[in-house]
Amino acid sequence: PFGVTLRRNGVATGAYLQTEEVFWASATELDGDLYMAAVVEDNDSDGSNDIAIVYGNPSNPTIAHLPILTPDGTAINAEGVSLWVDEDRVFIGVTGTVGLDDYVGWVFLAPAQ
């Protein structure tokens, strides 16, 4: 499916990443800001699924793509993503593969300003 539609109490509250094929997504709000991490189809032509992050004002969020690489720079095919947000930090955890090898990685970011 293309994009993600967020709902609260069964009512659509926003549609994001509408031009990207989304395989998995995790989202939350904190202090009125949206935070979302999603596994999306390859958008940088490296042959591997990517991670998109959406954050900030839900009506006009910032959208960025995170490179997911092994220590030697090989692109990891993202397969799952998790998200945790509190007042001090944003945690994004990723699982993926390169060939038959499994990888897990994470990043900590500051909340939206």
Protein backbone atom coordinates (compact mmCIF):
# COMPACT_ATOMS: atom_id res chain seq x y z
CA PRO A 1 0.00 0.00 0.00
CA PHE A 2 1.14 3.53 -0.68
CA GLY A 3 1.31 5.94 2.23
CA VAL A 4 0.08 5.85 5.80
CA THR A 5 -3.22 7.20 7.10
CA LEU A 6 -3.20 7.89 10.82
CA ARG A 7 -6.44 7.55 12.77
CA ARG A 8 -7.58 8.58 16.22
CA ASN A 9 -10.76 6.94 17.55
CA GLY A 10 -11.52 5.69 14.04
CA VAL A 11 -11.24 9.14 12.44
CA ALA A 12 -8.49 9.87 9.92
CA THR A 13 -6.16 12.57 11.27
CA GLY A 14 -3.56 12.73 8.50
CA ALA A 15 -2.08 11.03 5.45
CA TYR A 16 1.68 10.81 4.99
CA LEU A 17 4.24 9.30 2.57
CA GLN A 18 1.50 9.02 -0.04
CA THR A 19 3.95 8.57 -2.94
CA GLU A 20 5.93 5.79 -1.22
CA GLU A 21 5.16 2.11 -0.80
CA VAL A 22 5.09 1.57 2.98
CA PHE A 23 5.71 -1.92 4.40
CA TRP A 24 5.72 -1.12 8.13
CA ALA A 25 5.25 2.01 10.21
CA SER A 26 5.21 3.13 13.83
CA ALA A 27 3.87 6.53 14.90
CA THR A 28 3.04 8.57 17.97
CA GLU A 29 2.45 12.15 19.08
CA LEU A 30 4.12 14.13 21.83
CA ASP A 31 3.15 17.68 22.78
CA GLY A 32 1.26 18.06 19.49
CA ASP A 33 4.18 16.95 17.31
CA LEU A 34 3.99 13.87 15.09
CA TYR A 35 6.75 11.25 15.08
CA MET A 36 6.73 8.39 12.57
CA ALA A 37 9.30 5.90 11.32
CA ALA A 38 8.46 3.67 8.36
CA VAL A 39 10.02 0.97 6.21
CA VAL A 40 9.52 2.15 2.63
CA GLU A 41 10.40 0.79 -0.79
CA ASP A 42 13.91 1.58 -2.09
CA ASN A 43 14.04 5.28 -2.99
CA ASP A 44 17.79 5.72 -3.48
CA SER A 45 18.38 2.96 -6.07
CA ASP A 46 20.62 0.82 -3.84
CA GLY A 47 18.24 -2.16 -4.10
CA SER A 48 17.28 -2.13 -0.38
CA ASN A 49 14.19 -0.93 1.49
CA ASP A 50 14.74 2.37 3.28
CA ILE A 51 13.64 4.09 6.50
CA ALA A 52 11.56 7.26 6.25
CA ILE A 53 11.04 9.51 9.25
CA VAL A 54 8.22 12.03 9.55
CA TYR A 55 8.30 14.52 12.42
CA GLY A 56 7.11 17.90 13.62
CA ASN A 57 3.85 19.73 13.04
CA PRO A 58 1.33 17.13 11.78
CA SER A 59 -0.06 19.57 9.19
CA ASN A 60 3.39 20.34 7.71
CA PRO A 61 5.90 17.75 8.95
CA THR A 62 9.53 17.31 8.00
CA ILE A 63 10.19 14.11 6.02
CA ALA A 64 13.65 12.57 5.77
CA HIS A 65 15.18 9.24 4.84
CA LEU A 66 17.77 7.58 7.06
CA PRO A 67 20.62 5.59 5.51
CA ILE A 68 20.78 2.11 7.05
CA LEU A 69 24.29 0.75 6.46
CA THR A 70 26.62 -1.94 7.77
CA PRO A 71 29.94 -0.75 9.25
CA ASP A 72 31.58 -1.30 5.83
CA GLY A 73 28.94 0.85 4.07
CA THR A 74 26.74 -1.89 2.57
CA ALA A 75 23.05 -0.95 2.41
CA ILE A 76 20.86 -2.98 4.78
CA ASN A 77 17.46 -4.06 3.48
CA ALA A 78 15.19 -2.66 6.22
CA GLU A 79 12.44 -5.06 7.30
CA GLY A 80 11.07 -3.66 10.57
CA VAL A 81 11.16 -0.44 12.55
CA SER A 82 10.15 0.60 16.05
CA LEU A 83 9.80 4.03 17.60
CA TRP A 84 9.88 5.44 21.13
CA VAL A 85 9.47 9.13 21.93
CA ASP A 86 9.58 10.99 25.23
CA GLU A 87 10.44 14.55 26.30
CA ASP A 88 14.20 13.88 26.06
CA ARG A 89 14.74 11.58 23.09
CA VAL A 90 13.49 9.85 19.97
CA PHE A 91 14.59 6.22 19.59
CA ILE A 92 14.36 4.45 16.23
CA GLY A 93 15.24 0.76 16.11
CA VAL A 94 15.64 -1.09 12.81
CA THR A 95 15.95 -4.73 11.79
CA GLY A 96 17.08 -5.81 8.36
CA THR A 97 19.17 -8.12 6.25
CA VAL A 98 22.05 -8.22 3.83
CA GLY A 99 21.83 -11.52 1.99
CA LEU A 100 21.40 -14.19 4.67
CA ASP A 101 22.86 -12.04 7.47
CA ASP A 102 20.55 -10.35 10.00
CA TYR A 103 21.22 -6.87 11.38
CA VAL A 104 19.79 -4.67 14.09
CA GLY A 105 20.60 -1.02 14.60
CA TRP A 106 19.30 2.04 16.38
CA VAL A 107 19.65 5.78 16.56
CA PHE A 108 18.75 8.34 19.21
CA LEU A 109 17.62 11.81 18.08
CA ALA A 110 16.47 14.94 19.88
CA PRO A 111 12.71 15.69 19.88
CA ALA A 112 11.34 18.21 17.37
CA GLN A 113 12.13 21.82 18.27
